[in-house]
Every structure is written in structure tokens, then in C-alpha cells.
Amino acid sequence: MKHRAREAALQILYLWDVGHSDVVLAAETLFAQQWPEGESPSDDLRAFATNLASETVRRLLEVDQLIAETAERWRPERMAIIDRLILRMGACELLHQPAPPPAVVINECLELARTFSTEDSVKFINGMLDGIRKKLAPEQ
């Protein structure tokens, strides 16, 4: 369920970013108008996805600063939109307390990149999120 919820959170963030809309409105749009016919998202999936997308937007300045510091001379706004959104979402989860295990967060983001982006992006996101993980918990 959590992988599908992360996919939904990424789709919500995409609608939010491209549509320049409110993140809650983007979530409502996804679940009401763009969810595959014949299936209805569970309340848990809907809540997890909406909360993750909302938290990512709420912490956007903090997350983007962390990404920019890790990327070195590569601002988030210059990155491909899907890659940027996956990084933002992953960084937000790595900042969350209590945080899911970093390996789980990174693996989930890599799966999203494999589904929605390119193989080069998978490598880029892996390196970036590992760098962010090391900044947040250097003893690991």
C-alpha cells in the first residue's frame, strides 16, 4: 500500500507544481478525476499520500535548501520536474520524525524514478538521497 501511496503523492505533487494549485486541491483532483476507474483508493492510501505531499510542500524551503547543498551548483528548479519532485518527497521523508528507515525511503524513490523517469535519473536520485542521508545522519 505504501508504494502505491508514494506514487499517488508524487502525482499530487506533480499536479500541484504544474497546476500552481493548492496541494489539498491537487489531491482531491487526483482521487476524484484521475484515479483509475474501477478501483477506489483506500482511506489509508489517500491519507498517506495526501499527508506526504502536504508535508513536502510545507517543508519546501528546508527540503530545497538541503537538495541544493547536496547537488553543489545545481539548483532544484533546474532539475527535471519528476526528478525534483521525487527528491523533494524523499528528502521530506528522511527529515520526518520518526523517520522510516533511510534504505526504505531511498529504495522507494528509486522505484518511482524507474517508473516515471530515466535510468540516468535513478542513478542521480540515488546519489542525491544518499548524500542527503549522510548529511542528516553522518554516523550511519
C-alpha atoms as a PDB file:
ATOM      1  CA  MET A   1       0.000   0.000   0.000  1.00  0.00           C
ATOM      2  CA  LYS A   2       2.768   2.465   0.857  1.00  0.00           C
ATOM      3  CA  HIS A   3       4.434   2.183  -2.547  1.00  0.00           C
ATOM      4  CA  ARG A   4       1.148   2.957  -4.304  1.00  0.00           C
ATOM      5  CA  ALA A   5       0.568   5.796  -1.815  1.00  0.00           C
ATOM      6  CA  ARG A   6       4.006   7.245  -2.639  1.00  0.00           C
ATOM      7  CA  GLU A   7       3.128   7.041  -6.339  1.00  0.00           C
ATOM      8  CA  ALA A   8      -0.069   8.945  -5.569  1.00  0.00           C
ATOM      9  CA  ALA A   9       1.869  11.518  -3.506  1.00  0.00           C
ATOM     10  CA  LEU A  10       4.207  12.063  -6.466  1.00  0.00           C
ATOM     11  CA  GLN A  11       1.214  12.533  -8.752  1.00  0.00           C
ATOM     12  CA  ILE A  12      -0.307  15.009  -6.284  1.00  0.00           C
ATOM     13  CA  LEU A  13       2.962  16.947  -6.182  1.00  0.00           C
ATOM     14  CA  TYR A  14       3.077  16.961  -9.977  1.00  0.00           C
ATOM     15  CA  LEU A  15      -0.462  18.366 -10.182  1.00  0.00           C
ATOM     16  CA  TRP A  16       0.435  20.927  -7.508  1.00  0.00           C
ATOM     17  CA  ASP A  17       3.632  22.011  -9.284  1.00  0.00           C
ATOM     18  CA  VAL A  18       2.346  22.090 -12.854  1.00  0.00           C
ATOM     19  CA  GLY A  19      -1.071  23.490 -11.951  1.00  0.00           C
ATOM     20  CA  HIS A  20       0.242  26.029  -9.442  1.00  0.00           C
ATOM     21  CA  SER A  21      -2.607  24.951  -7.187  1.00  0.00           C
ATOM     22  CA  ASP A  22      -3.183  24.147  -3.551  1.00  0.00           C
ATOM     23  CA  VAL A  23      -1.772  20.747  -2.607  1.00  0.00           C
ATOM     24  CA  VAL A  24      -5.045  19.599  -0.993  1.00  0.00           C
ATOM     25  CA  LEU A  25      -6.932  20.600  -4.139  1.00  0.00           C
ATOM     26  CA  ALA A  26      -4.376  18.661  -6.209  1.00  0.00           C
ATOM     27  CA  ALA A  27      -5.010  15.588  -4.021  1.00  0.00           C
ATOM     28  CA  GLU A  28      -8.771  15.932  -4.413  1.00  0.00           C
ATOM     29  CA  THR A  29      -8.337  16.258  -8.188  1.00  0.00           C
ATOM     30  CA  LEU A  30      -6.186  13.150  -8.384  1.00  0.00           C
ATOM     31  CA  PHE A  31      -8.530  10.977  -6.352  1.00  0.00           C
ATOM     32  CA  ALA A  32     -11.766  12.323  -7.871  1.00  0.00           C
ATOM     33  CA  GLN A  33     -10.867  12.756 -11.528  1.00  0.00           C
ATOM     34  CA  GLN A  34      -7.667  10.930 -12.378  1.00  0.00           C
ATOM     35  CA  TRP A  35      -7.780   7.743 -10.335  1.00  0.00           C
ATOM     36  CA  PRO A  36      -8.198   4.610 -12.479  1.00  0.00           C
ATOM     37  CA  GLU A  37     -11.818   3.635 -12.957  1.00  0.00           C
ATOM     38  CA  GLY A  38     -12.991   0.532 -11.204  1.00  0.00           C
ATOM     39  CA  GLU A  39     -10.767   0.936  -8.186  1.00  0.00           C
ATOM     40  CA  SER A  40     -11.178   3.190  -5.230  1.00  0.00           C
ATOM     41  CA  PRO A  41      -8.178   4.218  -3.133  1.00  0.00           C
ATOM     42  CA  SER A  42      -8.356   3.100   0.475  1.00  0.00           C
ATOM     43  CA  ASP A  43      -8.657   5.713   3.175  1.00  0.00           C
ATOM     44  CA  ASP A  44      -5.153   4.764   4.393  1.00  0.00           C
ATOM     45  CA  LEU A  45      -3.645   5.230   0.934  1.00  0.00           C
ATOM     46  CA  ARG A  46      -5.453   8.532   0.445  1.00  0.00           C
ATOM     47  CA  ALA A  47      -4.354   9.820   3.871  1.00  0.00           C
ATOM     48  CA  PHE A  48      -0.709   8.717   3.497  1.00  0.00           C
ATOM     49  CA  ALA A  49      -0.397  10.226   0.000  1.00  0.00           C
ATOM     50  CA  THR A  50      -2.096  13.494   0.911  1.00  0.00           C
ATOM     51  CA  ASN A  51      -0.085  13.863   4.128  1.00  0.00           C
ATOM     52  CA  LEU A  52       3.237  13.134   2.400  1.00  0.00           C
ATOM     53  CA  ALA A  53       2.514  15.599  -0.415  1.00  0.00           C
ATOM     54  CA  SER A  54       1.296  18.253   2.042  1.00  0.00           C
ATOM     55  CA  GLU A  55       4.304  17.808   4.327  1.00  0.00           C
ATOM     56  CA  THR A  56       6.650  18.041   1.331  1.00  0.00           C
ATOM     57  CA  VAL A  57       5.072  21.342   0.277  1.00  0.00           C
ATOM     58  CA  ARG A  58       5.048  22.638   3.858  1.00  0.00           C
ATOM     59  CA  ARG A  59       8.784  21.945   4.225  1.00  0.00           C
ATOM     60  CA  LEU A  60       9.665  23.052   0.693  1.00  0.00           C
ATOM     61  CA  LEU A  61      12.216  25.726   1.634  1.00  0.00           C
ATOM     62  CA  GLU A  62      14.042  23.398   4.020  1.00  0.00           C
ATOM     63  CA  VAL A  63      13.944  20.496   1.557  1.00  0.00           C
ATOM     64  CA  ASP A  64      15.073  22.585  -1.429  1.00  0.00           C
ATOM     65  CA  GLN A  65      17.953  24.022   0.578  1.00  0.00           C
ATOM     66  CA  LEU A  66      19.064  20.514   1.528  1.00  0.00           C
ATOM     67  CA  ILE A  67      18.834  19.402  -2.111  1.00  0.00           C
ATOM     68  CA  ALA A  68      20.741  22.461  -3.357  1.00  0.00           C
ATOM     69  CA  GLU A  69      23.508  21.964  -0.775  1.00  0.00           C
ATOM     70  CA  THR A  70      23.835  18.311  -1.758  1.00  0.00           C
ATOM     71  CA  ALA A  71      23.700  18.922  -5.515  1.00  0.00           C
ATOM     72  CA  GLU A  72      26.511  21.508  -5.468  1.00  0.00           C
ATOM     73  CA  ARG A  73      25.941  24.104  -8.178  1.00  0.00           C
ATOM     74  CA  TRP A  74      22.680  22.527  -9.331  1.00  0.00           C
ATOM     75  CA  ARG A  75      19.561  24.305  -8.092  1.00  0.00           C
ATOM     76  CA  PRO A  76      16.380  22.220  -7.694  1.00  0.00           C
ATOM     77  CA  GLU A  77      14.466  24.424 -10.157  1.00  0.00           C
ATOM     78  CA  ARG A  78      16.953  23.401 -12.897  1.00  0.00           C
ATOM     79  CA  MET A  79      16.281  19.687 -12.388  1.00  0.00           C
ATOM     80  CA  ALA A  80      13.740  17.716 -14.396  1.00  0.00           C
ATOM     81  CA  ILE A  81      10.361  18.143 -12.724  1.00  0.00           C
ATOM     82  CA  ILE A  82       9.806  14.463 -11.867  1.00  0.00           C
ATOM     83  CA  ASP A  83      13.340  14.079 -10.501  1.00  0.00           C
ATOM     84  CA  ARG A  84      12.940  17.242  -8.440  1.00  0.00           C
ATOM     85  CA  LEU A  85       9.614  16.082  -7.009  1.00  0.00           C
ATOM     86  CA  ILE A  86      10.965  12.615  -6.159  1.00  0.00           C
ATOM     87  CA  LEU A  87      13.960  14.229  -4.429  1.00  0.00           C
ATOM     88  CA  ARG A  88      11.728  16.641  -2.516  1.00  0.00           C
ATOM     89  CA  MET A  89       9.461  13.850  -1.364  1.00  0.00           C
ATOM     90  CA  GLY A  90      12.385  11.596  -0.401  1.00  0.00           C
ATOM     91  CA  ALA A  91      14.185  14.378   1.465  1.00  0.00           C
ATOM     92  CA  CYS A  92      10.973  15.206   3.314  1.00  0.00           C
ATOM     93  CA  GLU A  93      10.587  11.586   4.404  1.00  0.00           C
ATOM     94  CA  LEU A  94      14.228  11.455   5.511  1.00  0.00           C
ATOM     95  CA  LEU A  95      13.580  14.559   7.656  1.00  0.00           C
ATOM     96  CA  HIS A  96      10.387  13.148   9.157  1.00  0.00           C
ATOM     97  CA  GLN A  97      10.492  12.058  12.781  1.00  0.00           C
ATOM     98  CA  PRO A  98      10.166   9.232  13.471  1.00  0.00           C
ATOM     99  CA  ALA A  99      11.681   8.612  10.077  1.00  0.00           C
ATOM    100  CA  PRO A 100      11.153   5.447   8.097  1.00  0.00           C
ATOM    101  CA  PRO A 101      14.440   3.573   7.602  1.00  0.00           C
ATOM    102  CA  PRO A 102      16.538   5.584   5.115  1.00  0.00           C
ATOM    103  CA  ALA A 103      17.115   2.500   2.945  1.00  0.00           C
ATOM    104  CA  VAL A 104      13.343   2.095   2.558  1.00  0.00           C
ATOM    105  CA  VAL A 105      12.853   5.753   1.608  1.00  0.00           C
ATOM    106  CA  ILE A 106      15.701   5.685  -0.905  1.00  0.00           C
ATOM    107  CA  ASN A 107      14.572   2.386  -2.433  1.00  0.00           C
ATOM    108  CA  GLU A 108      11.000   3.660  -2.798  1.00  0.00           C
ATOM    109  CA  CYS A 109      12.265   6.813  -4.531  1.00  0.00           C
ATOM    110  CA  LEU A 110      14.424   4.735  -6.870  1.00  0.00           C
ATOM    111  CA  GLU A 111      11.378   2.648  -7.789  1.00  0.00           C
ATOM    112  CA  LEU A 112       9.445   5.842  -8.532  1.00  0.00           C
ATOM    113  CA  ALA A 113      12.300   7.063 -10.723  1.00  0.00           C
ATOM    114  CA  ARG A 114      12.368   3.716 -12.574  1.00  0.00           C
ATOM    115  CA  THR A 115       8.638   4.041 -13.217  1.00  0.00           C
ATOM    116  CA  PHE A 116       8.361   7.742 -14.031  1.00  0.00           C
ATOM    117  CA  SER A 117      11.826   8.887 -15.163  1.00  0.00           C
ATOM    118  CA  THR A 118      15.025   7.558 -16.763  1.00  0.00           C
ATOM    119  CA  GLU A 119      17.837   5.218 -15.753  1.00  0.00           C
ATOM    120  CA  ASP A 120      20.187   8.205 -15.512  1.00  0.00           C
ATOM    121  CA  SER A 121      17.701   9.792 -13.126  1.00  0.00           C
ATOM    122  CA  VAL A 122      17.704   6.661 -10.978  1.00  0.00           C
ATOM    123  CA  LYS A 123      21.470   6.997 -10.527  1.00  0.00           C
ATOM    124  CA  PHE A 124      21.212  10.745  -9.885  1.00  0.00           C
ATOM    125  CA  ILE A 125      18.422  10.342  -7.300  1.00  0.00           C
ATOM    126  CA  ASN A 126      20.285   7.507  -5.587  1.00  0.00           C
ATOM    127  CA  GLY A 127      23.415   9.628  -5.195  1.00  0.00           C
ATOM    128  CA  MET A 128      21.482  12.688  -4.089  1.00  0.00           C
ATOM    129  CA  LEU A 129      19.361  10.910  -1.484  1.00  0.00           C
ATOM    130  CA  ASP A 130      22.365   9.029  -0.141  1.00  0.00           C
ATOM    131  CA  GLY A 131      24.180  12.374   0.187  1.00  0.00           C
ATOM    132  CA  ILE A 132      21.183  13.866   1.992  1.00  0.00           C
ATOM    133  CA  ARG A 133      21.010  10.813   4.270  1.00  0.00           C
ATOM    134  CA  LYS A 134      24.671  11.273   5.178  1.00  0.00           C
ATOM    135  CA  LYS A 135      24.108  14.985   5.935  1.00  0.00           C
ATOM    136  CA  LEU A 136      21.178  14.165   8.209  1.00  0.00           C
ATOM    137  CA  ALA A 137      22.779  11.197   9.987  1.00  0.00           C
ATOM    138  CA  PRO A 138      26.545  11.275   9.406  1.00  0.00           C
ATOM    139  CA  GLU A 139      27.165   8.473  11.912  1.00  0.00           C
ATOM    140  CA  GLN A 140      25.325   5.899   9.771  1.00  0.00           C
END
